[in-house]
């Protein structure tokens, strides 16, 4: 069986998250990212961990050497041969509820809008996009704007111009 889109493996290990709302938001974002940015990406599985600031802090320190929590971490999977009937792992995302909530409040935007932006951003990283230099950042931000527009979410960069 061929997978025509992304399969999401959703884990919620912090009660601050609304499991149903997080899963619904993740699915909508995955569909929109797949429709906009999946050229050259094999269908596969993404694991999303909706967790605490403390858990993301630990991951950020252990994997990136940064001793602080952050909003979203992306861990692209190592390329591997596909196994018939199983989705190819594309990578993992970890999202910190407290950081996401504080940032949304600071930006005076709905939590769901900010969460959608972070999921889209993280998925684009798993698809190979990055923002290391201005050119890459411009491409990635334009994709984010387009995808979020498809989801009915205002441009998150509008005030940053």
N, C-alpha and C. Protein backbone atom coordinates (compact mmCIF):
# COMPACT_ATOMS: atom_id res chain seq x y z
N UNK A 1 0.85 -1.19 0.00
CA UNK A 1 0.00 0.00 0.00
C UNK A 1 0.88 1.24 0.00
N UNK A 2 0.55 2.19 -0.86
CA UNK A 2 1.28 3.46 -0.92
C UNK A 2 0.57 4.49 -0.09
N UNK A 3 1.33 5.26 0.66
CA UNK A 3 0.75 6.32 1.47
C UNK A 3 0.79 7.60 0.64
N UNK A 4 -0.35 8.22 0.45
CA UNK A 4 -0.45 9.37 -0.43
C UNK A 4 -0.29 10.69 0.31
N UNK A 5 -0.02 10.63 1.57
CA UNK A 5 0.13 11.85 2.35
C UNK A 5 0.97 11.53 3.58
N UNK A 6 0.89 12.35 4.56
CA UNK A 6 1.61 12.12 5.80
C UNK A 6 0.74 11.31 6.76
N UNK A 7 1.38 10.41 7.45
CA UNK A 7 0.76 9.72 8.57
C UNK A 7 1.29 10.40 9.82
N UNK A 8 0.41 10.74 10.72
CA UNK A 8 0.83 11.41 11.95
C UNK A 8 0.73 10.46 13.13
N UNK A 9 1.79 10.40 13.90
CA UNK A 9 1.81 9.67 15.17
C UNK A 9 1.83 10.73 16.25
N UNK A 10 0.71 10.93 16.92
CA UNK A 10 0.57 12.02 17.88
C UNK A 10 0.63 11.49 19.30
N UNK A 11 1.52 12.09 20.09
CA UNK A 11 1.66 11.76 21.50
C UNK A 11 1.46 13.05 22.30
N UNK A 12 0.67 12.95 23.35
CA UNK A 12 0.47 14.09 24.24
C UNK A 12 0.87 13.62 25.63
N UNK A 13 1.90 14.24 26.20
CA UNK A 13 2.34 13.81 27.53
C UNK A 13 2.29 14.92 28.57
N UNK A 14 1.54 15.98 28.24
CA UNK A 14 1.38 17.08 29.19
C UNK A 14 -0.09 17.46 29.18
N UNK A 15 -0.72 17.48 30.36
CA UNK A 15 -2.15 17.76 30.47
C UNK A 15 -2.54 19.17 30.06
N UNK A 16 -1.57 20.06 29.89
CA UNK A 16 -1.89 21.41 29.44
C UNK A 16 -2.44 21.40 28.01
N UNK A 17 -2.07 20.39 27.24
CA UNK A 17 -2.54 20.27 25.86
C UNK A 17 -3.93 19.67 25.80
N UNK A 18 -4.74 20.17 24.90
CA UNK A 18 -6.03 19.56 24.57
C UNK A 18 -5.73 18.57 23.45
N UNK A 19 -5.72 17.28 23.76
CA UNK A 19 -5.31 16.24 22.81
C UNK A 19 -6.09 16.33 21.51
N UNK A 20 -7.41 16.44 21.60
CA UNK A 20 -8.25 16.47 20.40
C UNK A 20 -7.96 17.70 19.54
N UNK A 21 -7.84 18.86 20.17
CA UNK A 21 -7.55 20.10 19.43
C UNK A 21 -6.15 20.05 18.81
N UNK A 22 -5.18 19.53 19.55
CA UNK A 22 -3.81 19.42 19.01
C UNK A 22 -3.78 18.49 17.81
N UNK A 23 -4.46 17.36 17.91
CA UNK A 23 -4.49 16.40 16.80
C UNK A 23 -5.18 16.99 15.57
N UNK A 24 -6.28 17.70 15.79
CA UNK A 24 -7.01 18.33 14.68
C UNK A 24 -6.15 19.40 14.00
N UNK A 25 -5.49 20.23 14.78
CA UNK A 25 -4.62 21.26 14.24
C UNK A 25 -3.46 20.63 13.47
N UNK A 26 -2.85 19.59 14.04
CA UNK A 26 -1.73 18.92 13.38
C UNK A 26 -2.16 18.32 12.05
N UNK A 27 -3.33 17.69 12.01
CA UNK A 27 -3.81 17.08 10.77
C UNK A 27 -4.07 18.13 9.69
N UNK A 28 -4.69 19.25 10.07
CA UNK A 28 -4.95 20.32 9.10
C UNK A 28 -3.64 20.89 8.56
N UNK A 29 -2.67 21.10 9.44
CA UNK A 29 -1.37 21.62 9.03
C UNK A 29 -0.65 20.64 8.11
N UNK A 30 -0.68 19.36 8.47
CA UNK A 30 -0.01 18.35 7.65
C UNK A 30 -0.61 18.30 6.25
N UNK A 31 -1.93 18.36 6.15
CA UNK A 31 -2.58 18.35 4.83
C UNK A 31 -2.17 19.57 4.02
N UNK A 32 -2.15 20.74 4.66
CA UNK A 32 -1.81 21.97 3.95
C UNK A 32 -0.34 22.00 3.53
N UNK A 33 0.55 21.53 4.40
CA UNK A 33 1.97 21.47 4.05
C UNK A 33 2.17 20.47 2.91
N UNK A 34 1.53 19.34 3.01
CA UNK A 34 1.67 18.31 1.96
C UNK A 34 1.22 18.87 0.61
N UNK A 35 0.12 19.60 0.60
CA UNK A 35 -0.42 20.15 -0.64
C UNK A 35 0.49 21.22 -1.23
N UNK A 36 1.24 21.91 -0.40
CA UNK A 36 2.05 23.06 -0.85
C UNK A 36 3.53 22.78 -1.03
N UNK A 37 4.08 21.86 -0.27
CA UNK A 37 5.54 21.79 -0.18
C UNK A 37 6.12 20.38 -0.27
N UNK A 38 5.33 19.42 -0.72
CA UNK A 38 5.80 18.03 -0.66
C UNK A 38 6.52 17.56 -1.93
N UNK A 39 6.75 18.47 -2.87
CA UNK A 39 7.44 18.06 -4.09
C UNK A 39 8.79 17.43 -3.75
N UNK A 40 8.99 16.20 -4.21
CA UNK A 40 10.23 15.50 -3.94
C UNK A 40 10.30 14.82 -2.59
N UNK A 41 9.24 14.93 -1.79
CA UNK A 41 9.20 14.30 -0.48
C UNK A 41 8.39 13.01 -0.59
N UNK A 42 8.96 11.93 -0.10
CA UNK A 42 8.24 10.67 -0.11
C UNK A 42 7.15 10.69 0.96
N UNK A 43 5.99 10.12 0.65
CA UNK A 43 4.98 10.00 1.71
C UNK A 43 5.58 9.26 2.90
N UNK A 44 5.17 9.64 4.09
CA UNK A 44 5.74 9.00 5.25
C UNK A 44 5.07 9.40 6.53
N UNK A 45 5.73 9.10 7.64
CA UNK A 45 5.17 9.32 8.97
C UNK A 45 5.97 10.37 9.72
N UNK A 46 5.25 11.23 10.40
CA UNK A 46 5.84 12.23 11.29
C UNK A 46 5.28 11.98 12.69
N UNK A 47 6.18 11.95 13.66
CA UNK A 47 5.76 11.83 15.05
C UNK A 47 5.75 13.22 15.67
N UNK A 48 4.64 13.56 16.31
CA UNK A 48 4.50 14.84 17.00
C UNK A 48 4.34 14.57 18.48
N UNK A 49 5.16 15.24 19.27
CA UNK A 49 5.08 15.15 20.73
C UNK A 49 4.63 16.50 21.25
N UNK A 50 3.45 16.53 21.83
CA UNK A 50 2.92 17.73 22.48
C UNK A 50 3.26 17.58 23.95
N UNK A 51 4.18 18.40 24.43
CA UNK A 51 4.76 18.15 25.74
C UNK A 51 4.95 19.45 26.54
N UNK A 52 5.72 19.35 27.59
CA UNK A 52 5.95 20.47 28.51
C UNK A 52 7.20 21.25 28.13
N UNK A 53 7.31 22.44 28.70
CA UNK A 53 8.52 23.24 28.54
C UNK A 53 9.74 22.48 29.06
N UNK A 54 9.58 21.80 30.20
CA UNK A 54 10.71 21.07 30.79
C UNK A 54 11.21 19.98 29.85
N UNK A 55 10.30 19.24 29.24
CA UNK A 55 10.71 18.16 28.33
C UNK A 55 11.42 18.73 27.11
N UNK A 56 10.91 19.82 26.54
CA UNK A 56 11.55 20.44 25.38
C UNK A 56 12.89 21.05 25.78
N UNK A 57 12.95 21.61 26.98
CA UNK A 57 14.22 22.15 27.50
C UNK A 57 15.28 21.05 27.49
N UNK A 58 14.94 19.88 28.01
CA UNK A 58 15.87 18.75 28.05
C UNK A 58 16.30 18.34 26.65
N UNK A 59 15.34 18.21 25.73
CA UNK A 59 15.67 17.85 24.35
C UNK A 59 16.58 18.90 23.71
N UNK A 60 16.25 20.17 23.92
CA UNK A 60 17.03 21.26 23.33
C UNK A 60 18.47 21.24 23.86
N UNK A 61 18.61 20.98 25.16
CA UNK A 61 19.95 20.94 25.78
C UNK A 61 20.73 19.72 25.27
N UNK A 62 20.06 18.56 25.26
CA UNK A 62 20.74 17.32 24.88
C UNK A 62 21.10 17.27 23.40
N UNK A 63 20.24 17.77 22.53
CA UNK A 63 20.44 17.62 21.09
C UNK A 63 21.01 18.85 20.40
N UNK A 64 20.78 20.04 20.97
CA UNK A 64 21.24 21.26 20.31
C UNK A 64 22.22 22.06 21.16
N UNK A 65 22.45 21.62 22.40
CA UNK A 65 23.37 22.33 23.28
C UNK A 65 22.84 23.66 23.76
N UNK A 66 21.51 23.86 23.68
CA UNK A 66 20.90 25.12 24.12
C UNK A 66 20.12 24.86 25.40
N UNK A 67 20.55 25.50 26.48
CA UNK A 67 20.01 25.22 27.82
C UNK A 67 18.78 26.08 28.11
N UNK A 68 17.74 25.88 27.32
CA UNK A 68 16.48 26.60 27.52
C UNK A 68 15.38 25.90 26.74
N UNK A 69 14.13 26.12 27.15
CA UNK A 69 13.03 25.57 26.34
C UNK A 69 12.87 26.41 25.07
N UNK A 70 12.25 25.85 24.08
CA UNK A 70 11.92 26.56 22.85
C UNK A 70 10.53 26.12 22.43
N UNK A 71 9.98 26.75 21.41
CA UNK A 71 8.60 26.45 21.03
C UNK A 71 8.45 25.11 20.31
N UNK A 72 9.30 24.88 19.29
CA UNK A 72 9.21 23.62 18.53
C UNK A 72 10.62 23.16 18.17
N UNK A 73 10.82 21.87 18.25
CA UNK A 73 12.06 21.25 17.81
C UNK A 73 11.73 20.27 16.69
N UNK A 74 12.58 20.26 15.66
CA UNK A 74 12.41 19.33 14.54
C UNK A 74 13.60 18.40 14.50
N UNK A 75 13.31 17.12 14.35
CA UNK A 75 14.35 16.11 14.26
C UNK A 75 14.11 15.30 12.99
N UNK A 76 14.74 15.71 11.86
CA UNK A 76 14.55 14.94 10.63
C UNK A 76 15.10 13.53 10.79
N UNK A 77 14.40 12.57 10.21
CA UNK A 77 14.85 11.17 10.26
C UNK A 77 16.02 10.97 9.31
N UNK A 78 16.88 10.05 9.64
CA UNK A 78 17.95 9.65 8.73
C UNK A 78 17.31 8.96 7.53
N UNK A 79 17.80 9.24 6.33
CA UNK A 79 17.23 8.55 5.16
C UNK A 79 17.35 7.03 5.33
N UNK A 80 16.28 6.33 4.99
CA UNK A 80 16.29 4.89 5.12
C UNK A 80 15.45 4.27 4.02
N UNK A 81 15.73 3.03 3.67
CA UNK A 81 14.92 2.40 2.63
C UNK A 81 13.49 2.20 3.12
N UNK A 82 12.56 2.31 2.19
CA UNK A 82 11.16 2.12 2.57
C UNK A 82 10.88 0.62 2.71
N UNK A 83 9.94 0.32 3.58
CA UNK A 83 9.50 -1.05 3.81
C UNK A 83 8.07 -1.14 3.30
N UNK A 84 7.83 -2.09 2.41
CA UNK A 84 6.51 -2.26 1.81
C UNK A 84 5.43 -2.30 2.90
N UNK A 85 4.42 -1.46 2.75
CA UNK A 85 3.30 -1.46 3.67
C UNK A 85 3.47 -0.60 4.91
N UNK A 86 4.66 -0.04 5.09
CA UNK A 86 4.90 0.81 6.26
C UNK A 86 5.29 2.20 5.81
N UNK A 87 4.80 3.24 6.52
CA UNK A 87 5.22 4.59 6.15
C UNK A 87 6.69 4.81 6.49
N UNK A 88 7.37 5.56 5.65
CA UNK A 88 8.77 5.90 5.89
C UNK A 88 8.83 7.00 6.95
N UNK A 89 9.63 6.81 7.99
CA UNK A 89 9.75 7.88 9.00
C UNK A 89 10.39 9.13 8.39
N UNK A 90 9.72 10.27 8.54
CA UNK A 90 10.26 11.54 8.05
C UNK A 90 10.92 12.33 9.16
N UNK A 91 10.52 12.08 10.40
CA UNK A 91 11.12 12.77 11.53
C UNK A 91 10.12 13.03 12.64
N UNK A 92 10.59 13.78 13.62
CA UNK A 92 9.82 14.05 14.83
C UNK A 92 9.76 15.55 15.09
N UNK A 93 8.65 15.97 15.67
CA UNK A 93 8.49 17.34 16.16
C UNK A 93 8.14 17.26 17.64
N UNK A 94 8.68 18.17 18.42
CA UNK A 94 8.32 18.30 19.83
C UNK A 94 7.91 19.74 20.08
N UNK A 95 6.74 19.93 20.67
CA UNK A 95 6.21 21.26 20.92
C UNK A 95 5.98 21.47 22.41
N UNK A 96 6.43 22.64 22.91
CA UNK A 96 6.32 22.98 24.33
C UNK A 96 5.10 23.86 24.55
N UNK A 97 4.15 23.40 25.35
CA UNK A 97 2.91 24.14 25.55
C UNK A 97 3.13 25.52 26.13
N UNK A 98 3.90 25.60 27.21
CA UNK A 98 4.08 26.89 27.89
C UNK A 98 4.70 27.94 26.98
N UNK A 99 5.76 27.57 26.25
CA UNK A 99 6.41 28.51 25.34
C UNK A 99 5.43 28.95 24.27
N UNK A 100 4.71 27.99 23.69
CA UNK A 100 3.72 28.32 22.64
C UNK A 100 2.67 29.29 23.17
N UNK A 101 2.15 29.00 24.36
CA UNK A 101 1.10 29.84 24.94
C UNK A 101 1.62 31.25 25.25
N UNK A 102 2.81 31.34 25.82
CA UNK A 102 3.38 32.66 26.13
C UNK A 102 3.64 33.47 24.86
N UNK A 103 4.18 32.83 23.84
CA UNK A 103 4.44 33.55 22.59
C UNK A 103 3.15 34.04 21.94
N UNK A 104 2.13 33.20 21.94
CA UNK A 104 0.84 33.61 21.36
C UNK A 104 0.28 34.81 22.12
N UNK A 105 0.38 34.77 23.45
CA UNK A 105 -0.12 35.89 24.27
C UNK A 105 0.69 37.16 23.99
N UNK A 106 2.01 37.03 23.87
CA UNK A 106 2.87 38.19 23.59
C UNK A 106 2.54 38.80 22.23
N UNK A 107 2.21 37.94 21.27
CA UNK A 107 1.90 38.42 19.92
C UNK A 107 0.43 38.83 19.79
N UNK A 108 -0.34 38.56 20.86
CA UNK A 108 -1.77 38.86 20.87
C UNK A 108 -2.49 38.17 19.71
N UNK A 109 -2.18 36.89 19.53
CA UNK A 109 -2.83 36.09 18.49
C UNK A 109 -3.41 34.83 19.14
N UNK A 110 -4.39 34.21 18.49
CA UNK A 110 -4.95 32.98 19.06
C UNK A 110 -3.89 31.88 19.17
N UNK A 111 -3.95 31.14 20.26
CA UNK A 111 -3.02 30.03 20.50
C UNK A 111 -3.00 29.09 19.30
N UNK A 112 -4.17 28.74 18.77
CA UNK A 112 -4.25 27.80 17.65
C UNK A 112 -3.52 28.33 16.41
N UNK A 113 -3.58 29.64 16.18
CA UNK A 113 -2.86 30.22 15.03
C UNK A 113 -1.35 30.06 15.21
N UNK A 114 -0.87 30.36 16.41
CA UNK A 114 0.57 30.24 16.66
C UNK A 114 0.99 28.78 16.58
N UNK A 115 0.20 27.89 17.18
CA UNK A 115 0.51 26.46 17.12
C UNK A 115 0.56 25.99 15.67
N UNK A 116 -0.39 26.43 14.86
CA UNK A 116 -0.40 26.04 13.44
C UNK A 116 0.89 26.51 12.76
N UNK A 117 1.30 27.74 13.03
CA UNK A 117 2.53 28.26 12.43
C UNK A 117 3.73 27.40 12.85
N UNK A 118 3.80 27.03 14.11
CA UNK A 118 4.93 26.24 14.60
C UNK A 118 4.93 24.84 13.99
N UNK A 119 3.76 24.23 13.85
CA UNK A 119 3.69 22.90 13.23
C UNK A 119 4.10 22.99 11.76
N UNK A 120 3.58 23.98 11.05
CA UNK A 120 3.95 24.18 9.64
C UNK A 120 5.47 24.38 9.54
N UNK A 121 6.02 25.23 10.38
CA UNK A 121 7.46 25.52 10.39
C UNK A 121 8.26 24.22 10.61
N UNK A 122 7.84 23.47 11.62
CA UNK A 122 8.54 22.21 11.93
C UNK A 122 8.44 21.20 10.80
N UNK A 123 7.26 21.07 10.20
CA UNK A 123 7.10 20.13 9.09
C UNK A 123 7.97 20.53 7.90
N UNK A 124 8.05 21.82 7.63
CA UNK A 124 8.90 22.27 6.52
C UNK A 124 10.37 21.89 6.78
N UNK A 125 10.81 21.98 8.03
CA UNK A 125 12.17 21.53 8.36
C UNK A 125 12.31 20.04 8.03
N UNK A 126 11.31 19.24 8.37
CA UNK A 126 11.38 17.80 8.08
C UNK A 126 11.39 17.53 6.58
N UNK A 127 10.83 18.46 5.81
CA UNK A 127 10.80 18.32 4.35
C UNK A 127 12.07 18.88 3.71
N UNK A 128 13.01 19.35 4.53
CA UNK A 128 14.29 19.79 4.01
C UNK A 128 14.47 21.29 3.89
N UNK A 129 13.47 22.07 4.27
CA UNK A 129 13.59 23.52 4.21
C UNK A 129 14.34 24.02 5.44
N UNK A 130 15.02 25.16 5.29
CA UNK A 130 15.73 25.74 6.42
C UNK A 130 15.75 27.25 6.28
N UNK A 131 16.29 27.93 7.27
CA UNK A 131 16.35 29.40 7.27
C UNK A 131 17.71 29.87 7.76
N UNK A 132 18.75 29.15 7.34
CA UNK A 132 20.12 29.46 7.77
C UNK A 132 20.60 30.78 7.20
N UNK A 133 20.24 31.05 5.94
CA UNK A 133 20.63 32.33 5.35
C UNK A 133 19.38 33.06 4.85
N UNK A 134 19.55 34.31 4.41
CA UNK A 134 18.39 35.13 4.02
C UNK A 134 17.60 34.54 2.86
N UNK A 135 18.29 33.96 1.89
CA UNK A 135 17.60 33.37 0.74
C UNK A 135 16.72 32.21 1.18
N UNK A 136 17.31 31.29 1.97
CA UNK A 136 16.55 30.14 2.47
C UNK A 136 15.39 30.61 3.34
N UNK A 137 15.66 31.59 4.20
CA UNK A 137 14.62 32.11 5.08
C UNK A 137 13.47 32.70 4.27
N UNK A 138 13.79 33.43 3.21
CA UNK A 138 12.75 34.01 2.36
C UNK A 138 11.87 32.95 1.72
N UNK A 139 12.49 31.88 1.22
CA UNK A 139 11.74 30.78 0.61
C UNK A 139 10.84 30.12 1.65
N UNK A 140 11.41 29.82 2.82
CA UNK A 140 10.66 29.12 3.86
C UNK A 140 9.51 30.00 4.38
N UNK A 141 9.78 31.27 4.62
CA UNK A 141 8.73 32.17 5.12
C UNK A 141 7.61 32.35 4.09
N UNK A 142 7.95 32.42 2.81
CA UNK A 142 6.91 32.54 1.78
C UNK A 142 6.03 31.30 1.77
N UNK A 143 6.63 30.13 1.92
CA UNK A 143 5.85 28.89 2.00
C UNK A 143 4.95 28.90 3.24
N UNK A 144 5.51 29.31 4.36
CA UNK A 144 4.73 29.37 5.60
C UNK A 144 3.53 30.29 5.42
N UNK A 145 3.74 31.46 4.83
CA UNK A 145 2.64 32.41 4.61
C UNK A 145 1.55 31.78 3.74
N UNK A 146 1.97 31.14 2.65
CA UNK A 146 1.03 30.52 1.72
C UNK A 146 0.23 29.41 2.41
N UNK A 147 0.93 28.56 3.14
CA UNK A 147 0.27 27.43 3.81
C UNK A 147 -0.69 27.94 4.88
N UNK A 148 -0.25 28.91 5.68
CA UNK A 148 -1.12 29.45 6.73
C UNK A 148 -2.32 30.17 6.12
N UNK A 149 -2.12 30.84 4.99
CA UNK A 149 -3.23 31.49 4.29
C UNK A 149 -4.27 30.44 3.89
N UNK A 150 -3.81 29.28 3.40
CA UNK A 150 -4.72 28.18 3.05
C UNK A 150 -5.55 27.75 4.26
N UNK A 151 -4.95 27.89 5.45
CA UNK A 151 -5.62 27.49 6.69
C UNK A 151 -6.45 28.62 7.30
N UNK A 152 -6.47 29.78 6.61
CA UNK A 152 -7.24 30.92 7.11
C UNK A 152 -6.57 31.65 8.26
N UNK A 153 -5.24 31.54 8.32
CA UNK A 153 -4.48 32.17 9.40
C UNK A 153 -3.69 33.35 8.84
N UNK A 154 -3.79 34.52 9.50
CA UNK A 154 -3.07 35.71 9.01
C UNK A 154 -1.55 35.51 8.99
N UNK A 155 -0.90 36.31 8.17
CA UNK A 155 0.55 36.28 8.01
C UNK A 155 1.24 36.52 9.36
N UNK A 156 2.00 35.52 9.85
CA UNK A 156 2.66 35.69 11.15
C UNK A 156 3.85 36.65 11.09
N UNK A 157 4.30 36.97 9.89
CA UNK A 157 5.45 37.86 9.74
C UNK A 157 5.05 39.30 9.42
N UNK A 158 3.76 39.57 9.34
CA UNK A 158 3.28 40.89 8.92
C UNK A 158 3.84 42.02 9.79
N UNK A 159 3.89 41.81 11.10
CA UNK A 159 4.37 42.85 12.01
C UNK A 159 5.88 42.89 12.10
N UNK A 160 6.55 41.88 11.56
CA UNK A 160 8.01 41.79 11.66
C UNK A 160 8.72 42.47 10.51
N UNK A 161 7.96 43.00 9.57
CA UNK A 161 8.57 43.60 8.37
C UNK A 161 9.23 44.91 8.69
